[in-house]
Amino acid sequence: MLKVIHWMHRHEIRMFLYVNQRFRGKVLDAIVGTLTHLGGATATITVTLLLALFGNGAWQTTGIQALAALAVSHIPVALVKRFYPRRRPYLVIPNTRISMNPLEDHSFPSGHSTAIFAVTVPFVAAFPPLGFVLIPLALAVALSRMYLGLHYPSDCLAGALLGTGSAIASVSVWP
């Protein structure tokens, strides 16, 4: 079992370094730096709250579902970050490229990945053609967290699963 864990850890570090160091440039840094904010609290809460309050019909219902998923999904994020103090990659892996203002709280799971998937999934469920834009956008936000040196791949995967799970629950409970 220990060999499997070491193998997984080694490959996770390799994946992280590939995303973090392979493709770099000022233009890409600017794009990724902006893109990552789509999974932040300001963007996700603003979009879902505006749709929940001012949307019509299916848009309003979807806004409410996404807002509920966003709220519910961050309970386990807060609890896990508190009780599983995983250090951020830039604090552990030498030569990690980081953003200008690196976060100092715990790494696991990624709150941005959780938020973007919690918000995206209800919209894809309600309006399937939006999935061609929203799913790649959500994946790009998750990748941006590794690019910026703030999260491991497993942090982003766990966040995506938490966000997706809470969104599916929200859509199921609030038809």
C-alpha atoms as a PDB file:
ATOM      1  CA  MET A   1       0.000   0.000   0.000  1.00  0.00           C
ATOM      2  CA  LEU A   2       2.836   2.375   0.833  1.00  0.00           C
ATOM      3  CA  LYS A   3       4.335   1.816  -2.621  1.00  0.00           C
ATOM      4  CA  VAL A   4       1.051   2.819  -4.240  1.00  0.00           C
ATOM      5  CA  ILE A   5       0.884   5.992  -2.176  1.00  0.00           C
ATOM      6  CA  HIS A   6       4.451   6.935  -3.083  1.00  0.00           C
ATOM      7  CA  TRP A   7       3.775   6.192  -6.753  1.00  0.00           C
ATOM      8  CA  MET A   8       0.643   8.395  -6.698  1.00  0.00           C
ATOM      9  CA  HIS A   9       2.476  11.195  -4.907  1.00  0.00           C
ATOM     10  CA  ARG A  10       5.366  11.094  -7.371  1.00  0.00           C
ATOM     11  CA  HIS A  11       2.985  11.304 -10.344  1.00  0.00           C
ATOM     12  CA  GLU A  12       0.966  14.069  -8.745  1.00  0.00           C
ATOM     13  CA  ILE A  13       4.137  16.137  -8.314  1.00  0.00           C
ATOM     14  CA  ARG A  14       5.043  15.472 -11.953  1.00  0.00           C
ATOM     15  CA  MET A  15       1.577  16.596 -13.117  1.00  0.00           C
ATOM     16  CA  PHE A  16       1.773  19.679 -10.928  1.00  0.00           C
ATOM     17  CA  LEU A  17       5.209  20.646 -12.247  1.00  0.00           C
ATOM     18  CA  TYR A  18       4.095  20.078 -15.833  1.00  0.00           C
ATOM     19  CA  VAL A  19       1.190  22.518 -15.466  1.00  0.00           C
ATOM     20  CA  ASN A  20       3.142  24.931 -13.280  1.00  0.00           C
ATOM     21  CA  GLN A  21       6.305  25.181 -15.337  1.00  0.00           C
ATOM     22  CA  ARG A  22       5.764  23.890 -18.871  1.00  0.00           C
ATOM     23  CA  PHE A  23       3.908  26.773 -20.515  1.00  0.00           C
ATOM     24  CA  ARG A  24       4.899  30.220 -19.305  1.00  0.00           C
ATOM     25  CA  GLY A  25       4.722  33.714 -20.707  1.00  0.00           C
ATOM     26  CA  LYS A  26       3.521  37.185 -19.842  1.00  0.00           C
ATOM     27  CA  VAL A  27       0.353  36.914 -21.928  1.00  0.00           C
ATOM     28  CA  LEU A  28      -0.519  33.500 -20.508  1.00  0.00           C
ATOM     29  CA  ASP A  29       0.274  34.725 -16.988  1.00  0.00           C
ATOM     30  CA  ALA A  30      -2.192  37.592 -17.468  1.00  0.00           C
ATOM     31  CA  ILE A  31      -4.902  35.343 -18.921  1.00  0.00           C
ATOM     32  CA  VAL A  32      -4.548  32.719 -16.199  1.00  0.00           C
ATOM     33  CA  GLY A  33      -4.353  35.383 -13.496  1.00  0.00           C
ATOM     34  CA  THR A  34      -7.699  36.756 -14.663  1.00  0.00           C
ATOM     35  CA  LEU A  35      -9.282  33.375 -15.398  1.00  0.00           C
ATOM     36  CA  THR A  36      -8.617  32.033 -11.907  1.00  0.00           C
ATOM     37  CA  HIS A  37     -10.817  34.760 -10.402  1.00  0.00           C
ATOM     38  CA  LEU A  38     -13.875  33.237 -12.097  1.00  0.00           C
ATOM     39  CA  GLY A  39     -13.734  30.553  -9.399  1.00  0.00           C
ATOM     40  CA  GLY A  40     -13.300  33.057  -6.593  1.00  0.00           C
ATOM     41  CA  ALA A  41     -15.911  34.152  -4.098  1.00  0.00           C
ATOM     42  CA  THR A  42     -16.581  37.537  -5.695  1.00  0.00           C
ATOM     43  CA  ALA A  43     -17.403  36.175  -9.157  1.00  0.00           C
ATOM     44  CA  THR A  44     -19.303  33.056  -8.124  1.00  0.00           C
ATOM     45  CA  ILE A  45     -21.402  34.710  -5.428  1.00  0.00           C
ATOM     46  CA  THR A  46     -22.148  37.765  -7.580  1.00  0.00           C
ATOM     47  CA  VAL A  47     -23.263  35.786 -10.635  1.00  0.00           C
ATOM     48  CA  THR A  48     -25.418  33.319  -8.736  1.00  0.00           C
ATOM     49  CA  LEU A  49     -26.944  35.933  -6.440  1.00  0.00           C
ATOM     50  CA  LEU A  50     -27.830  38.258  -9.334  1.00  0.00           C
ATOM     51  CA  LEU A  51     -29.475  35.422 -11.253  1.00  0.00           C
ATOM     52  CA  ALA A  52     -31.296  34.166  -8.148  1.00  0.00           C
ATOM     53  CA  LEU A  53     -32.651  37.646  -7.426  1.00  0.00           C
ATOM     54  CA  PHE A  54     -33.228  39.078 -10.882  1.00  0.00           C
ATOM     55  CA  GLY A  55     -33.364  36.149 -13.296  1.00  0.00           C
ATOM     56  CA  ASN A  56     -36.571  34.924 -14.902  1.00  0.00           C
ATOM     57  CA  GLY A  57     -37.940  31.408 -15.123  1.00  0.00           C
ATOM     58  CA  ALA A  58     -35.309  28.712 -15.599  1.00  0.00           C
ATOM     59  CA  TRP A  59     -32.474  31.244 -15.219  1.00  0.00           C
ATOM     60  CA  GLN A  60     -33.700  32.232 -11.764  1.00  0.00           C
ATOM     61  CA  THR A  61     -34.212  28.616 -10.683  1.00  0.00           C
ATOM     62  CA  THR A  62     -30.740  27.708 -11.927  1.00  0.00           C
ATOM     63  CA  GLY A  63     -29.269  30.725 -10.125  1.00  0.00           C
ATOM     64  CA  ILE A  64     -30.889  29.546  -6.888  1.00  0.00           C
ATOM     65  CA  GLN A  65     -29.627  25.981  -7.422  1.00  0.00           C
ATOM     66  CA  ALA A  66     -26.101  27.226  -8.113  1.00  0.00           C
ATOM     67  CA  LEU A  67     -26.179  29.553  -5.097  1.00  0.00           C
ATOM     68  CA  ALA A  68     -27.344  26.709  -2.854  1.00  0.00           C
ATOM     69  CA  ALA A  69     -24.672  24.372  -4.264  1.00  0.00           C
ATOM     70  CA  LEU A  70     -22.039  27.047  -3.726  1.00  0.00           C
ATOM     71  CA  ALA A  71     -23.053  27.552  -0.095  1.00  0.00           C
ATOM     72  CA  VAL A  72     -23.340  23.845   0.719  1.00  0.00           C
ATOM     73  CA  SER A  73     -20.089  22.906  -1.029  1.00  0.00           C
ATOM     74  CA  HIS A  74     -18.001  25.240   1.059  1.00  0.00           C
ATOM     75  CA  ILE A  75     -18.921  23.638   4.359  1.00  0.00           C
ATOM     76  CA  PRO A  76     -16.782  20.538   3.686  1.00  0.00           C
ATOM     77  CA  VAL A  77     -14.080  22.724   2.115  1.00  0.00           C
ATOM     78  CA  ALA A  78     -13.792  24.782   5.298  1.00  0.00           C
ATOM     79  CA  LEU A  79     -13.863  21.698   7.527  1.00  0.00           C
ATOM     80  CA  VAL A  80     -11.305  19.719   5.535  1.00  0.00           C
ATOM     81  CA  LYS A  81      -8.932  22.694   5.261  1.00  0.00           C
ATOM     82  CA  ARG A  82      -9.166  23.105   9.025  1.00  0.00           C
ATOM     83  CA  PHE A  83      -8.569  19.458   9.938  1.00  0.00           C
ATOM     84  CA  TYR A  84      -6.278  18.399   7.087  1.00  0.00           C
ATOM     85  CA  PRO A  85      -3.519  21.014   7.022  1.00  0.00           C
ATOM     86  CA  ARG A  86      -1.884  20.226   3.687  1.00  0.00           C
ATOM     87  CA  ARG A  87       0.781  22.786   2.843  1.00  0.00           C
ATOM     88  CA  ARG A  88       0.525  24.531  -0.515  1.00  0.00           C
ATOM     89  CA  PRO A  89       2.850  23.266  -3.251  1.00  0.00           C
ATOM     90  CA  TYR A  90       4.915  26.444  -3.461  1.00  0.00           C
ATOM     91  CA  LEU A  91       5.829  25.926   0.212  1.00  0.00           C
ATOM     92  CA  VAL A  92       6.930  22.323  -0.392  1.00  0.00           C
ATOM     93  CA  ILE A  93       8.220  21.997  -3.959  1.00  0.00           C
ATOM     94  CA  PRO A  94      11.390  23.928  -4.779  1.00  0.00           C
ATOM     95  CA  ASN A  95      11.328  26.276  -7.795  1.00  0.00           C
ATOM     96  CA  THR A  96       7.535  26.394  -7.970  1.00  0.00           C
ATOM     97  CA  ARG A  97       6.337  29.387  -9.932  1.00  0.00           C
ATOM     98  CA  ILE A  98       3.842  31.364  -7.892  1.00  0.00           C
ATOM     99  CA  SER A  99       1.449  34.232  -8.356  1.00  0.00           C
ATOM    100  CA  MET A 100       2.163  37.672  -6.946  1.00  0.00           C
ATOM    101  CA  ASN A 101       0.045  37.171  -3.819  1.00  0.00           C
ATOM    102  CA  PRO A 102       0.328  33.510  -2.795  1.00  0.00           C
ATOM    103  CA  LEU A 103      -2.231  32.206  -0.337  1.00  0.00           C
ATOM    104  CA  GLU A 104      -1.037  30.999   3.032  1.00  0.00           C
ATOM    105  CA  ASP A 105      -3.947  28.890   4.236  1.00  0.00           C
ATOM    106  CA  HIS A 106      -4.170  25.152   3.588  1.00  0.00           C
ATOM    107  CA  SER A 107      -4.214  23.625   0.138  1.00  0.00           C
ATOM    108  CA  PHE A 108      -6.690  20.736   0.241  1.00  0.00           C
ATOM    109  CA  PRO A 109      -9.274  20.964  -1.313  1.00  0.00           C
ATOM    110  CA  SER A 110      -9.260  23.797  -3.835  1.00  0.00           C
ATOM    111  CA  GLY A 111     -12.004  26.277  -2.978  1.00  0.00           C
ATOM    112  CA  HIS A 112     -11.872  27.863  -6.442  1.00  0.00           C
ATOM    113  CA  SER A 113     -12.324  24.475  -8.123  1.00  0.00           C
ATOM    114  CA  THR A 114     -15.167  23.661  -5.753  1.00  0.00           C
ATOM    115  CA  ALA A 115     -16.895  26.964  -6.432  1.00  0.00           C
ATOM    116  CA  ILE A 116     -16.622  26.941 -10.220  1.00  0.00           C
ATOM    117  CA  PHE A 117     -17.979  23.392 -10.473  1.00  0.00           C
ATOM    118  CA  ALA A 118     -20.757  24.091  -7.938  1.00  0.00           C
ATOM    119  CA  VAL A 119     -21.866  27.027 -10.086  1.00  0.00           C
ATOM    120  CA  THR A 120     -21.259  25.476 -13.513  1.00  0.00           C
ATOM    121  CA  VAL A 121     -23.025  22.117 -13.114  1.00  0.00           C
ATOM    122  CA  PRO A 122     -26.558  23.494 -12.480  1.00  0.00           C
ATOM    123  CA  PHE A 123     -26.283  25.640 -15.610  1.00  0.00           C
ATOM    124  CA  VAL A 124     -25.125  22.690 -17.692  1.00  0.00           C
ATOM    125  CA  ALA A 125     -27.991  20.595 -16.268  1.00  0.00           C
ATOM    126  CA  ALA A 126     -30.555  23.285 -17.137  1.00  0.00           C
ATOM    127  CA  PHE A 127     -29.036  24.357 -20.455  1.00  0.00           C
ATOM    128  CA  PRO A 128     -26.956  21.452 -21.860  1.00  0.00           C
ATOM    129  CA  PRO A 129     -25.475  23.368 -24.830  1.00  0.00           C
ATOM    130  CA  LEU A 130     -23.767  25.694 -22.307  1.00  0.00           C
ATOM    131  CA  GLY A 131     -21.670  22.677 -21.314  1.00  0.00           C
ATOM    132  CA  PHE A 132     -19.474  23.210 -24.392  1.00  0.00           C
ATOM    133  CA  VAL A 133     -18.345  26.501 -22.875  1.00  0.00           C
ATOM    134  CA  LEU A 134     -18.797  26.061 -19.121  1.00  0.00           C
ATOM    135  CA  ILE A 135     -17.111  22.677 -18.609  1.00  0.00           C
ATOM    136  CA  PRO A 136     -13.855  23.725 -20.352  1.00  0.00           C
ATOM    137  CA  LEU A 137     -14.036  27.010 -18.415  1.00  0.00           C
ATOM    138  CA  ALA A 138     -14.362  25.154 -15.102  1.00  0.00           C
ATOM    139  CA  LEU A 139     -11.471  22.862 -16.031  1.00  0.00           C
ATOM    140  CA  ALA A 140      -9.370  25.899 -16.986  1.00  0.00           C
ATOM    141  CA  VAL A 141     -10.054  27.491 -13.593  1.00  0.00           C
ATOM    142  CA  ALA A 142      -8.946  24.277 -11.863  1.00  0.00           C
ATOM    143  CA  LEU A 143      -5.775  24.141 -13.994  1.00  0.00           C
ATOM    144  CA  SER A 144      -5.109  27.799 -13.233  1.00  0.00           C
ATOM    145  CA  ARG A 145      -4.747  26.922  -9.561  1.00  0.00           C
ATOM    146  CA  MET A 146      -1.842  24.587 -10.410  1.00  0.00           C
ATOM    147  CA  TYR A 147      -0.386  27.035 -12.924  1.00  0.00           C
ATOM    148  CA  LEU A 148      -0.261  29.662 -10.160  1.00  0.00           C
ATOM    149  CA  GLY A 149       1.477  27.220  -7.780  1.00  0.00           C
ATOM    150  CA  LEU A 150      -1.367  27.206  -5.274  1.00  0.00           C
ATOM    151  CA  HIS A 151      -2.797  23.680  -5.549  1.00  0.00           C
ATOM    152  CA  TYR A 152      -1.865  20.105  -6.313  1.00  0.00           C
ATOM    153  CA  PRO A 153      -3.909  18.177  -8.911  1.00  0.00           C
ATOM    154  CA  SER A 154      -5.641  16.201  -6.143  1.00  0.00           C
ATOM    155  CA  ASP A 155      -6.706  19.478  -4.478  1.00  0.00           C
ATOM    156  CA  CYS A 156      -8.383  20.543  -7.715  1.00  0.00           C
ATOM    157  CA  LEU A 157      -9.914  17.123  -8.349  1.00  0.00           C
ATOM    158  CA  ALA A 158     -11.333  16.979  -4.819  1.00  0.00           C
ATOM    159  CA  GLY A 159     -12.735  20.486  -5.242  1.00  0.00           C
ATOM    160  CA  ALA A 160     -14.293  19.590  -8.591  1.00  0.00           C
ATOM    161  CA  LEU A 161     -15.904  16.502  -7.060  1.00  0.00           C
ATOM    162  CA  LEU A 162     -17.213  18.430  -4.036  1.00  0.00           C
ATOM    163  CA  GLY A 163     -18.623  21.185  -6.246  1.00  0.00           C
ATOM    164  CA  THR A 164     -20.161  18.734  -8.705  1.00  0.00           C
ATOM    165  CA  GLY A 165     -21.664  16.606  -5.936  1.00  0.00           C
ATOM    166  CA  SER A 166     -23.234  19.572  -4.181  1.00  0.00           C
ATOM    167  CA  ALA A 167     -24.545  20.879  -7.510  1.00  0.00           C
ATOM    168  CA  ILE A 168     -26.143  17.534  -8.384  1.00  0.00           C
ATOM    169  CA  ALA A 169     -27.739  17.434  -4.927  1.00  0.00           C
ATOM    170  CA  SER A 170     -28.982  21.005  -5.316  1.00  0.00           C
ATOM    171  CA  VAL A 171     -30.494  20.309  -8.751  1.00  0.00           C
ATOM    172  CA  SER A 172     -32.133  17.144  -7.398  1.00  0.00           C
ATOM    173  CA  VAL A 173     -33.627  18.847  -4.336  1.00  0.00           C
ATOM    174  CA  TRP A 174     -34.684  22.061  -6.107  1.00  0.00           C
ATOM    175  CA  PRO A 175     -36.374  20.984  -9.356  1.00  0.00           C
END
